[in-house]
Amino acid sequence: MDNDFFIPPPTYPTCMPPAHTPPPPASPPPHVMKAVPEERDGEAGSGGADKHSRGRRKSTRNELHPGHCDCCGSSADSQKSDELGTDAGPGSKGRSRSRSAEPLPQWSDYWEAQEDIHPTSNPKDSFRVYRSGSSGPVCFFLHGGGHTALSWSLVAKALGANVRCIAYDARGHGETHCEDDTDFSAERLVGDGLAIVDYYCKKIYEEIHKKKFEPAEPDDAPEQPAGTPFIPLAPLPGMKRSDDPCIIIIGHSMGGAIATRIAASGKLPALHGLVVVDVVEGTALAALPHMASFVNKLPTVFTSPREAVSWAVRSGRLKNEESARISLPSQLIRTRRRDVRNILKKEISPGHEDDVVWTWRTDLSKTQPYWEGWFAGMSSLFLQARCTKVLICAGNDRLDRELMIAHMQGKFQVQLVPYSGHVVEEDQPQEVTHVLQNFISRYRLDQPSVQPWRLHAAAPKDTN
């Protein structure tokens, strides 16, 4: 969580030191609003308002949301958002000035494939997924609240072809469109995640074995004594290494809470690794009383995605301009000023009703009823997950008592990444990549799984 919430400096037990210290870093849901056509470069032009709208499945970068809060964090400069953000106008100057004339990057600059899948039992639910890599362990990346899968772009590119990277836009975020885009409950998000993991594990299994995946019966998995730690360095009794790659789940903030619940569910026997980025139960719950105020201070509209990028870098929400240029535009939606007023029911910056503007894709205020449910009980679930674990922190978070004791007992690693804000994977992608590579190498997760995949995470039935 970020220091915006006036949390005291961290006091860690003997944590792993940083791997190396880098120098300071130089058609959407109807309840949101109606999108208007997007121009090729992602900028809102004067004539863009009269063009026909592009289909939601074809657009890859036309939606957006708050960069630093998955109910989670903001930056110490976030209180400047009203001055530096939204209503600052196209003439805003900032650290992104050097790249202001360059075209904004595309998803294909970082990922090999993009697709929309329907993994749940509701055919109306469409999830946007980005993939790269053709061998090695399977890493599923979960983003924070208000962010999108493209927050992991620089990390995925740095990991290269020897890691299968799969990142998806969560329900109500980015280019994912579900029949119910307002259910952000932990149970629903966990169900979505399990369905997506199940979908791709079956697909990869069939690619490896050249045959249709046949799920095993639940009793096929060998029994393990209660309390037995999961050690992937050698097969457990009765198990042999298979040809199936290891599964690793990596989540940031809200995504870290959901990844933890997925790992603790016991529905992925071949899960070998859990990586949680900058979220701890105690600190997250302590920050919640400040979140509503933080959300209300977010800029309302931008005149272009470039202005949003400039605001994010200038306000300190993101410290890495390259990452901001690929992730921020995916968090916004292009609309008209009058639609923003009608939805938000409040005054915004002066301008003509028909002016084309950009606003957040995800309305964080609508996620407020679910904030506590994301993080409550997270520490015990984190320790309960039967896999190797690492907690990556920006250096401005604290371990609660339960995690501090467990860390002293060697039950998981803690890795500090200095010179980073809350969105560690964007601010310091090389450092996060280095941590992941060391994690994979140290626990031999680049080797075949210690047990064949037995997936029981069937797509959840729609309860609506």
Protein backbone atom coordinates (compact mmCIF):
# COMPACT_ATOMS: atom_id res chain seq x y z
CA MET A 1 0.00 0.00 0.00
CA ASP A 2 1.21 3.47 -0.59
CA ASN A 3 2.41 6.05 1.90
CA ASP A 4 -0.54 8.26 1.02
CA PHE A 5 -2.34 6.62 3.87
CA PHE A 6 0.25 7.81 6.41
CA ILE A 7 1.31 4.29 7.34
CA PRO A 8 4.53 4.17 9.42
CA PRO A 9 7.74 2.99 7.77
CA PRO A 10 8.12 -0.77 7.35
CA THR A 11 9.68 -2.91 10.02
CA TYR A 12 10.52 -6.26 8.43
CA PRO A 13 12.12 -9.28 10.00
CA THR A 14 15.15 -10.65 8.24
CA CYS A 15 13.94 -10.27 4.68
CA MET A 16 15.76 -11.19 1.53
CA PRO A 17 17.74 -8.18 0.33
CA PRO A 18 16.99 -6.80 -3.11
CA ALA A 19 18.56 -8.84 -5.89
CA HIS A 20 20.39 -5.71 -6.91
CA THR A 21 19.74 -2.07 -6.25
CA PRO A 22 18.84 -0.12 -9.38
CA PRO A 23 19.42 3.60 -9.79
CA PRO A 24 16.40 5.83 -9.20
CA PRO A 25 14.13 5.66 -12.24
CA ALA A 26 14.80 8.62 -14.39
CA SER A 27 -18.87 -1.29 -26.39
CA PRO A 28 -18.53 -1.03 -22.76
CA PRO A 29 -20.97 -1.87 -19.98
CA PRO A 30 -24.15 0.29 -20.07
CA HIS A 31 -23.74 1.29 -16.45
CA VAL A 32 -20.45 2.98 -17.26
CA MET A 33 -21.28 5.01 -20.35
CA LYS A 34 -21.48 4.84 -24.11
CA ALA A 35 -18.20 4.79 -25.95
CA VAL A 36 -17.58 6.90 -29.01
CA PRO A 37 -15.33 5.90 -31.91
CA GLU A 38 -11.61 5.78 -31.35
CA GLU A 39 -9.03 7.16 -33.74
CA ARG A 40 -6.09 5.06 -34.89
CA ASP A 41 -3.46 6.69 -32.71
CA GLY A 42 -5.66 6.68 -29.63
CA GLU A 43 -6.11 10.47 -29.56
CA ALA A 44 -9.42 12.25 -29.51
CA GLY A 45 -9.57 14.37 -32.63
CA SER A 46 -12.00 17.09 -33.52
CA GLY A 47 -13.72 14.98 -36.14
CA GLY A 48 -13.70 11.73 -34.18
CA ALA A 49 -17.09 12.24 -32.59
CA ASP A 50 -18.96 11.62 -35.82
CA LYS A 51 -17.29 8.37 -36.82
CA HIS A 52 -18.99 5.00 -36.32
CA SER A 53 -18.16 3.18 -33.10
CA ARG A 54 -15.75 0.27 -33.23
CA GLY A 55 -16.84 -3.12 -31.92
CA ARG A 56 -15.71 -3.99 -28.43
CA ARG A 57 -13.90 -7.15 -29.53
CA LYS A 58 -11.75 -5.27 -32.03
CA SER A 59 -10.56 -2.51 -29.75
CA THR A 60 -7.52 -3.33 -27.65
CA ARG A 61 -6.63 -0.05 -26.02
CA ASN A 62 -9.70 2.15 -25.74
CA GLU A 63 -10.55 1.81 -22.06
CA LEU A 64 -8.97 2.98 -18.77
CA HIS A 65 -9.11 3.43 -15.01
CA PRO A 66 -7.33 4.81 -11.95
CA GLY A 67 -3.74 3.90 -11.96
CA HIS A 68 -2.96 3.39 -8.30
CA CYS A 69 -5.80 2.12 -6.30
CA ASP A 70 -7.06 -1.27 -6.13
CA CYS A 71 -8.37 -0.20 -2.92
CA CYS A 72 -4.97 -0.40 -2.29
CA GLY A 73 -2.71 2.37 -2.94
CA SER A 74 -2.12 5.79 -4.23
CA SER A 75 0.91 7.97 -4.32
CA ALA A 76 1.97 10.71 -2.01
CA ASP A 77 1.33 13.14 -4.82
CA SER A 78 -2.17 11.88 -5.53
CA GLN A 79 -3.67 14.89 -3.78
CA LYS A 80 -2.34 16.97 -6.66
CA SER A 81 -4.57 15.12 -9.11
CA ASP A 82 -7.09 17.93 -9.41
CA GLU A 83 -4.29 20.29 -10.42
CA LEU A 84 -2.24 18.00 -12.63
CA GLY A 85 -4.82 15.63 -14.02
CA THR A 86 -7.94 15.56 -16.02
CA ASP A 87 -8.74 19.11 -16.24
CA ALA A 88 -5.18 20.22 -16.80
CA GLY A 89 -5.72 20.54 -20.53
CA PRO A 90 -3.72 19.37 -23.50
CA GLY A 91 -0.95 21.80 -22.76
CA SER A 92 0.14 19.93 -19.63
CA LYS A 93 3.89 19.63 -19.27
CA GLY A 94 5.64 16.84 -17.43
CA ARG A 95 8.23 14.11 -17.49
CA SER A 96 6.48 12.53 -20.48
CA ARG A 97 7.21 15.61 -22.57
CA SER A 98 10.16 13.90 -24.28
CA ARG A 99 7.83 11.28 -25.76
CA SER A 100 4.80 13.48 -26.34
CA ALA A 101 5.16 13.31 -30.13
CA GLU A 102 5.77 9.55 -30.30
CA PRO A 103 2.87 7.24 -31.18
CA LEU A 104 1.50 5.37 -28.19
CA PRO A 105 2.64 1.73 -28.14
CA GLN A 106 0.37 -1.17 -29.07
CA TRP A 107 -0.26 -4.39 -27.14
CA SER A 108 1.61 -6.26 -29.89
CA ASP A 109 4.84 -4.45 -28.92
CA TYR A 110 4.89 -6.54 -25.74
CA TRP A 111 2.70 -9.59 -26.27
CA GLU A 112 2.53 -12.29 -28.94
CA ALA A 113 -1.23 -12.82 -28.97
CA GLN A 114 -4.47 -11.25 -27.85
CA GLU A 115 -7.86 -12.94 -27.74
CA ASP A 116 -11.32 -12.78 -26.22
CA ILE A 117 -12.45 -16.00 -24.55
CA HIS A 118 -15.65 -17.24 -22.92
CA PRO A 119 -14.45 -19.52 -20.08
CA THR A 120 -17.49 -19.29 -17.79
CA SER A 121 -20.87 -20.92 -18.22
CA ASN A 122 -22.36 -17.59 -19.27
CA PRO A 123 -21.70 -17.14 -23.01
CA LYS A 124 -22.20 -13.38 -22.63
CA ASP A 125 -19.08 -13.10 -20.48
CA SER A 126 -16.07 -12.20 -22.66
CA PHE A 127 -12.59 -11.93 -21.14
CA ARG A 128 -9.69 -10.16 -22.87
CA VAL A 129 -6.46 -12.16 -22.59
CA TYR A 130 -2.88 -11.40 -23.65
CA ARG A 131 -0.31 -14.19 -24.11
CA SER A 132 3.38 -14.63 -24.84
CA GLY A 133 5.99 -17.37 -24.54
CA SER A 134 5.89 -20.90 -25.92
CA SER A 135 7.67 -23.02 -23.33
CA GLY A 136 8.51 -23.24 -19.65
CA PRO A 137 6.25 -22.65 -16.64
CA VAL A 138 2.78 -21.16 -17.06
CA CYS A 139 2.51 -17.79 -15.28
CA PHE A 140 -0.96 -16.29 -14.81
CA PHE A 141 -0.86 -12.55 -14.08
CA LEU A 142 -3.69 -10.78 -12.18
CA HIS A 143 -3.77 -6.98 -12.16
CA GLY A 144 -4.85 -4.59 -9.43
CA GLY A 145 -8.20 -2.84 -9.11
CA GLY A 146 -8.75 -0.26 -11.84
CA HIS A 147 -5.74 -1.49 -13.81
CA THR A 148 -5.66 -3.94 -16.73
CA ALA A 149 -3.61 -6.88 -17.94
CA LEU A 150 -1.36 -4.45 -19.80
CA SER A 151 0.13 -3.41 -16.45
CA TRP A 152 2.24 -6.56 -16.82
CA SER A 153 3.43 -5.76 -20.35
CA LEU A 154 7.05 -4.89 -19.57
CA VAL A 155 7.44 -7.86 -17.23
CA ALA A 156 6.02 -10.30 -19.78
CA LYS A 157 8.32 -8.98 -22.50
CA ALA A 158 11.37 -9.20 -20.23
CA LEU A 159 10.61 -12.80 -19.22
CA GLY A 160 10.94 -13.82 -22.87
CA ALA A 161 9.92 -16.94 -24.74
CA ASN A 162 10.93 -19.44 -22.04
CA VAL A 163 8.01 -18.54 -19.79
CA ARG A 164 4.37 -18.83 -20.83
CA CYS A 165 2.82 -15.52 -19.73
CA ILE A 166 -0.98 -15.20 -19.60
CA ALA A 167 -2.64 -12.01 -18.34
CA TYR A 168 -6.33 -11.14 -18.44
CA ASP A 169 -8.52 -8.11 -17.82
CA ALA A 170 -10.67 -8.78 -14.77
CA ARG A 171 -14.44 -8.47 -14.79
CA GLY A 172 -15.45 -4.82 -15.21
CA HIS A 173 -11.96 -3.81 -16.34
CA GLY A 174 -10.29 -3.02 -19.66
CA GLU A 175 -11.65 -4.96 -22.64
CA THR A 176 -13.42 -7.62 -20.60
CA HIS A 177 -17.21 -7.34 -20.85
CA CYS A 178 -19.53 -9.47 -18.74
CA GLU A 179 -23.27 -9.56 -18.36
CA ASP A 180 -22.76 -8.46 -14.76
CA ASP A 181 -19.83 -6.05 -14.79
CA THR A 182 -20.53 -4.72 -11.30
CA ASP A 183 -20.03 -7.88 -9.23
CA PHE A 184 -16.53 -7.44 -7.84
CA SER A 185 -16.97 -9.86 -4.95
CA ALA A 186 -13.97 -12.03 -4.09
CA GLU A 187 -16.03 -15.14 -4.79
CA ARG A 188 -16.94 -13.98 -8.29
CA LEU A 189 -13.41 -12.86 -9.16
CA VAL A 190 -11.96 -16.14 -7.85
CA GLY A 191 -14.49 -18.06 -9.96
CA ASP A 192 -13.47 -16.08 -13.04
CA GLY A 193 -9.78 -16.71 -12.35
CA LEU A 194 -10.23 -20.44 -11.85
CA ALA A 195 -12.24 -20.70 -15.07
CA ILE A 196 -9.53 -18.87 -17.04
CA VAL A 197 -6.71 -20.96 -15.53
CA ASP A 198 -8.67 -24.12 -16.30
CA TYR A 199 -9.32 -22.96 -19.88
CA TYR A 200 -5.65 -22.37 -20.68
CA CYS A 201 -4.28 -25.36 -18.78
CA LYS A 202 -6.48 -27.66 -20.86
CA LYS A 203 -5.36 -25.85 -24.01
CA ILE A 204 -1.66 -26.15 -23.14
CA TYR A 205 -2.08 -29.79 -22.07
CA GLU A 206 -3.59 -30.64 -25.45
CA GLU A 207 -0.76 -28.81 -27.24
CA ILE A 208 1.88 -30.78 -25.29
CA HIS A 209 0.28 -34.22 -25.43
CA LYS A 210 -1.46 -33.87 -28.79
CA LYS A 211 -4.62 -35.31 -27.31
CA LYS A 212 -7.80 -34.13 -25.68
CA PHE A 213 -7.54 -33.28 -21.99
CA GLU A 214 -9.35 -35.81 -19.80
CA PRO A 215 -9.77 -34.49 -16.24
CA ALA A 216 -9.04 -37.01 -13.50
CA GLU A 217 -11.42 -37.92 -10.73
CA PRO A 218 -10.94 -35.87 -7.54
CA ASP A 219 -9.66 -38.95 -5.62
CA ASP A 220 -6.85 -39.51 -8.13
CA ALA A 221 -4.56 -37.00 -6.45
CA PRO A 222 -2.39 -38.75 -3.82
CA GLU A 223 -3.22 -38.07 -0.20
CA GLN A 224 -0.79 -35.86 1.71
CA PRO A 225 -0.50 -35.70 5.51
CA ALA A 226 -1.98 -32.56 7.04
CA GLY A 227 0.63 -29.85 7.45
CA THR A 228 3.02 -31.34 4.88
CA PRO A 229 4.86 -28.43 3.20
CA PHE A 230 4.76 -28.35 -0.56
CA ILE A 231 8.32 -28.85 -1.85
CA PRO A 232 8.56 -28.90 -5.66
CA LEU A 233 12.25 -29.86 -5.67
CA ALA A 234 11.37 -33.57 -5.58
CA PRO A 235 8.21 -35.63 -6.15
CA LEU A 236 6.00 -36.33 -3.18
CA PRO A 237 5.41 -40.01 -2.28
CA GLY A 238 3.73 -41.87 -5.11
CA MET A 239 4.35 -39.08 -7.62
CA LYS A 240 6.56 -38.90 -10.69
CA ARG A 241 7.52 -35.91 -12.76
CA SER A 242 5.21 -35.41 -15.72
CA ASP A 243 5.60 -33.58 -18.99
CA ASP A 244 3.30 -30.83 -17.78
CA PRO A 245 4.80 -27.43 -16.92
CA CYS A 246 4.53 -25.88 -13.47
CA ILE A 247 1.78 -23.35 -12.81
CA ILE A 248 2.55 -20.06 -11.08
CA ILE A 249 -0.02 -17.40 -10.14
CA ILE A 250 1.14 -13.80 -9.75
CA GLY A 251 -1.11 -10.99 -8.54
CA HIS A 252 -0.76 -7.33 -7.69
CA SER A 253 -2.84 -5.75 -4.90
CA MET A 254 -6.49 -6.71 -5.59
CA GLY A 255 -5.10 -9.28 -8.00
CA GLY A 256 -2.77 -10.50 -5.25
CA ALA A 257 -5.72 -11.05 -2.93
CA ILE A 258 -7.59 -12.99 -5.63
CA ALA A 259 -4.47 -14.98 -6.58
CA THR A 260 -4.07 -15.93 -2.92
CA ARG A 261 -7.65 -17.21 -2.73
CA ILE A 262 -7.21 -19.18 -5.94
CA ALA A 263 -4.01 -20.76 -4.60
CA ALA A 264 -5.64 -21.62 -1.27
CA SER A 265 -8.74 -23.12 -2.91
CA GLY A 266 -6.97 -26.44 -3.51
CA LYS A 267 -8.46 -26.68 -7.00
CA LEU A 268 -5.11 -26.51 -8.79
CA PRO A 269 -3.04 -29.50 -7.64
CA ALA A 270 -0.26 -28.65 -10.09
CA LEU A 271 0.12 -25.12 -8.69
CA HIS A 272 3.77 -24.71 -7.69
CA GLY A 273 4.20 -20.99 -7.07
CA LEU A 274 2.32 -17.97 -5.70
CA VAL A 275 3.72 -14.45 -6.03
CA VAL A 276 1.89 -11.59 -4.30
CA VAL A 277 2.91 -8.04 -5.15
CA ASP A 278 2.61 -5.20 -2.64
CA VAL A 279 -0.45 -6.19 -0.65
CA VAL A 280 -0.65 -7.35 2.96
CA GLU A 281 -3.91 -7.89 4.82
CA GLY A 282 -3.17 -5.72 7.85
CA THR A 283 -1.97 -2.71 5.87
CA ALA A 284 -4.72 -3.05 3.27
CA LEU A 285 -7.51 -3.14 5.84
CA ALA A 286 -5.98 -0.21 7.72
CA ALA A 287 -5.97 1.81 4.49
CA LEU A 288 -9.62 1.21 3.60
CA PRO A 289 -11.05 4.17 5.60
CA HIS A 290 -8.99 6.50 3.41
CA MET A 291 -9.94 4.92 0.11
CA ALA A 292 -13.25 6.67 -0.53
CA SER A 293 -11.54 10.04 -0.18
CA PHE A 294 -8.77 8.90 -2.53
CA VAL A 295 -11.24 7.72 -5.16
CA ASN A 296 -13.21 10.98 -5.00
CA LYS A 297 -10.03 12.98 -5.67
CA LEU A 298 -9.19 11.13 -8.87
CA PRO A 299 -9.32 13.21 -12.04
CA THR A 300 -12.62 12.86 -13.85
CA VAL A 301 -11.86 13.37 -17.53
CA PHE A 302 -8.87 13.71 -19.82
CA THR A 303 -8.77 15.34 -23.23
CA SER A 304 -6.65 12.46 -24.60
CA PRO A 305 -4.80 9.32 -23.50
CA ARG A 306 -1.55 11.30 -23.77
CA GLU A 307 -2.81 13.72 -21.17
CA ALA A 308 -3.66 10.81 -18.88
CA VAL A 309 -0.12 9.44 -19.26
CA SER A 310 1.37 12.86 -18.54
CA TRP A 311 -0.82 13.23 -15.44
CA ALA A 312 0.08 9.77 -14.12
CA VAL A 313 3.82 10.41 -14.42
CA ARG A 314 3.71 14.00 -13.13
CA SER A 315 1.52 13.14 -10.14
CA GLY A 316 3.81 10.25 -9.19
CA ARG A 317 1.18 7.56 -9.65
CA LEU A 318 3.49 5.77 -12.06
CA LYS A 319 7.25 6.26 -12.09
CA ASN A 320 7.94 4.52 -15.39
CA GLU A 321 6.85 6.47 -18.44
CA GLU A 322 7.21 3.54 -20.83
CA SER A 323 4.84 1.42 -18.79
CA ALA A 324 2.41 4.30 -18.35
CA ARG A 325 2.21 4.72 -22.12
CA ILE A 326 1.03 1.13 -22.65
CA SER A 327 -1.07 0.63 -19.49
CA LEU A 328 -2.89 3.95 -18.97
CA PRO A 329 -4.76 4.10 -22.30
CA SER A 330 -6.15 0.61 -21.63
CA GLN A 331 -7.75 1.92 -18.43
CA LEU A 332 -9.75 4.67 -20.17
CA ILE A 333 -12.87 4.80 -22.26
CA ARG A 334 -13.61 7.40 -24.93
CA THR A 335 -16.95 9.15 -24.52
CA ARG A 336 -18.59 12.59 -24.53
CA ARG A 337 -18.59 15.18 -21.78
CA ARG A 338 -22.36 15.09 -21.31
CA ASP A 339 -22.26 11.31 -20.71
CA VAL A 340 -19.68 11.75 -17.96
CA ARG A 341 -21.89 14.37 -16.28
CA ASN A 342 -24.96 12.15 -16.55
CA ILE A 343 -23.22 9.12 -15.06
CA LEU A 344 -21.27 10.84 -12.30
CA LYS A 345 -24.06 13.30 -11.45
CA LYS A 346 -21.57 16.05 -10.74
CA GLU A 347 -19.93 18.99 -12.47
CA ILE A 348 -16.70 18.43 -14.31
CA SER A 349 -14.34 20.80 -16.10
CA PRO A 350 -16.01 23.37 -18.36
CA GLY A 351 -16.55 22.41 -21.98
CA HIS A 352 -19.11 21.72 -24.66
CA GLU A 353 -21.53 18.86 -24.03
CA ASP A 354 -20.47 17.12 -27.26
CA ASP A 355 -16.73 17.37 -26.58
CA VAL A 356 -14.96 14.03 -26.86
CA VAL A 357 -13.20 13.18 -23.59
CA TRP A 358 -11.62 10.16 -21.94
CA THR A 359 -12.70 8.88 -18.53
CA TRP A 360 -12.04 5.86 -16.36
CA ARG A 361 -13.27 2.50 -17.66
CA THR A 362 -13.81 1.19 -14.13
CA ASP A 363 -15.69 3.24 -11.56
CA LEU A 364 -13.76 2.43 -8.39
CA SER A 365 -16.52 3.86 -6.20
CA LYS A 366 -18.72 0.94 -7.29
CA THR A 367 -16.15 -1.51 -5.95
CA GLN A 368 -16.26 -0.07 -2.41
CA PRO A 369 -18.73 -2.65 -1.00
CA TYR A 370 -16.21 -5.38 -1.88
CA TRP A 371 -12.98 -3.87 -0.58
CA GLU A 372 -12.96 -5.54 2.82
CA GLY A 373 -13.94 -8.89 1.29
CA TRP A 374 -10.88 -8.84 -0.96
CA PHE A 375 -8.35 -8.55 1.86
CA ALA A 376 -9.96 -9.97 5.02
CA GLY A 377 -8.36 -13.30 5.96
CA MET A 378 -5.69 -12.94 3.28
CA SER A 379 -2.71 -13.67 5.57
CA SER A 380 -4.00 -17.05 6.72
CA LEU A 381 -5.02 -17.98 3.16
CA PHE A 382 -1.58 -16.99 1.90
CA LEU A 383 0.08 -19.33 4.40
CA GLN A 384 -2.50 -22.03 3.71
CA ALA A 385 -1.65 -22.23 -0.01
CA ARG A 386 0.29 -25.47 -0.64
CA CYS A 387 2.99 -24.07 -2.90
CA THR A 388 6.18 -22.04 -2.69
CA LYS A 389 5.47 -18.37 -2.04
CA VAL A 390 7.14 -14.99 -2.34
CA LEU A 391 5.87 -11.57 -1.30
CA ILE A 392 7.23 -8.63 -3.30
CA CYS A 393 7.02 -5.28 -1.53
CA ALA A 394 7.79 -1.75 -2.61
CA GLY A 395 9.41 -1.06 0.73
CA ASN A 396 6.47 0.95 2.08
CA ASP A 397 4.40 -1.93 3.42
CA ARG A 398 4.53 -3.93 6.63
CA LEU A 399 4.14 -7.57 7.50
CA ASP A 400 1.37 -8.16 10.00
CA ARG A 401 2.08 -10.32 13.04
CA GLU A 402 0.92 -13.58 11.42
CA LEU A 403 3.10 -13.09 8.34
CA MET A 404 6.07 -11.88 10.40
CA ILE A 405 6.09 -15.07 12.45
CA ALA A 406 5.64 -17.23 9.34
CA HIS A 407 8.47 -15.43 7.56
CA MET A 408 10.79 -15.95 10.51
CA GLN A 409 9.93 -19.64 10.27
CA GLY A 410 10.99 -19.65 6.62
CA LYS A 411 7.53 -20.37 5.20
CA PHE A 412 7.86 -17.78 2.43
CA GLN A 413 10.27 -15.23 1.00
CA VAL A 414 10.04 -11.47 1.15
CA GLN A 415 11.65 -9.46 -1.64
CA LEU A 416 11.99 -5.68 -1.42
CA VAL A 417 12.02 -3.60 -4.60
CA PRO A 418 13.30 -0.09 -3.86
CA TYR A 419 12.54 3.10 -5.80
CA SER A 420 9.01 1.93 -6.51
CA GLY A 421 5.50 3.10 -5.80
CA HIS A 422 2.56 0.77 -5.24
CA VAL A 423 2.44 -0.49 -8.84
CA VAL A 424 5.76 -2.28 -8.53
CA GLU A 425 5.49 -4.26 -11.76
CA GLU A 426 5.16 -1.01 -13.72
CA ASP A 427 7.60 1.16 -11.79
CA GLN A 428 10.39 -1.43 -11.66
CA PRO A 429 9.60 -4.13 -14.25
CA GLN A 430 13.22 -5.27 -14.55
CA GLU A 431 13.49 -5.81 -10.80
CA VAL A 432 10.20 -7.74 -10.69
CA THR A 433 11.37 -9.82 -13.65
CA HIS A 434 14.63 -10.56 -11.83
CA VAL A 435 12.73 -11.69 -8.73
CA LEU A 436 10.50 -13.97 -10.83
CA GLN A 437 13.44 -15.46 -12.70
CA ASN A 438 15.29 -16.18 -9.43
CA PHE A 439 12.10 -17.65 -7.94
CA ILE A 440 11.60 -19.95 -10.93
CA SER A 441 15.25 -21.00 -11.01
CA ARG A 442 15.69 -21.48 -7.26
CA TYR A 443 12.70 -23.81 -6.95
CA ARG A 444 13.24 -25.44 -10.35
CA LEU A 445 9.85 -24.31 -11.57
CA ASP A 446 11.24 -24.29 -15.09
CA GLN A 447 11.31 -28.11 -14.83
CA PRO A 448 8.26 -30.33 -15.42
CA SER A 449 5.65 -30.48 -12.69
CA VAL A 450 6.07 -32.95 -9.83
CA GLN A 451 2.62 -34.32 -10.63
CA PRO A 452 0.44 -34.52 -13.73
CA TRP A 453 -2.18 -31.84 -14.09
CA ARG A 454 -5.44 -32.80 -12.46
CA LEU A 455 -7.70 -29.84 -13.00
CA HIS A 456 -11.00 -29.74 -11.20
CA ALA A 457 -11.68 -26.02 -11.61
CA ALA A 458 -14.70 -26.38 -13.87
CA ALA A 459 -16.17 -23.13 -15.13
CA PRO A 460 -18.42 -21.80 -12.34
CA LYS A 461 -22.13 -21.82 -12.93
CA ASP A 462 -23.72 -18.43 -13.28
CA THR A 463 -25.77 -17.72 -10.19
CA ASN A 464 -27.78 -14.95 -11.83
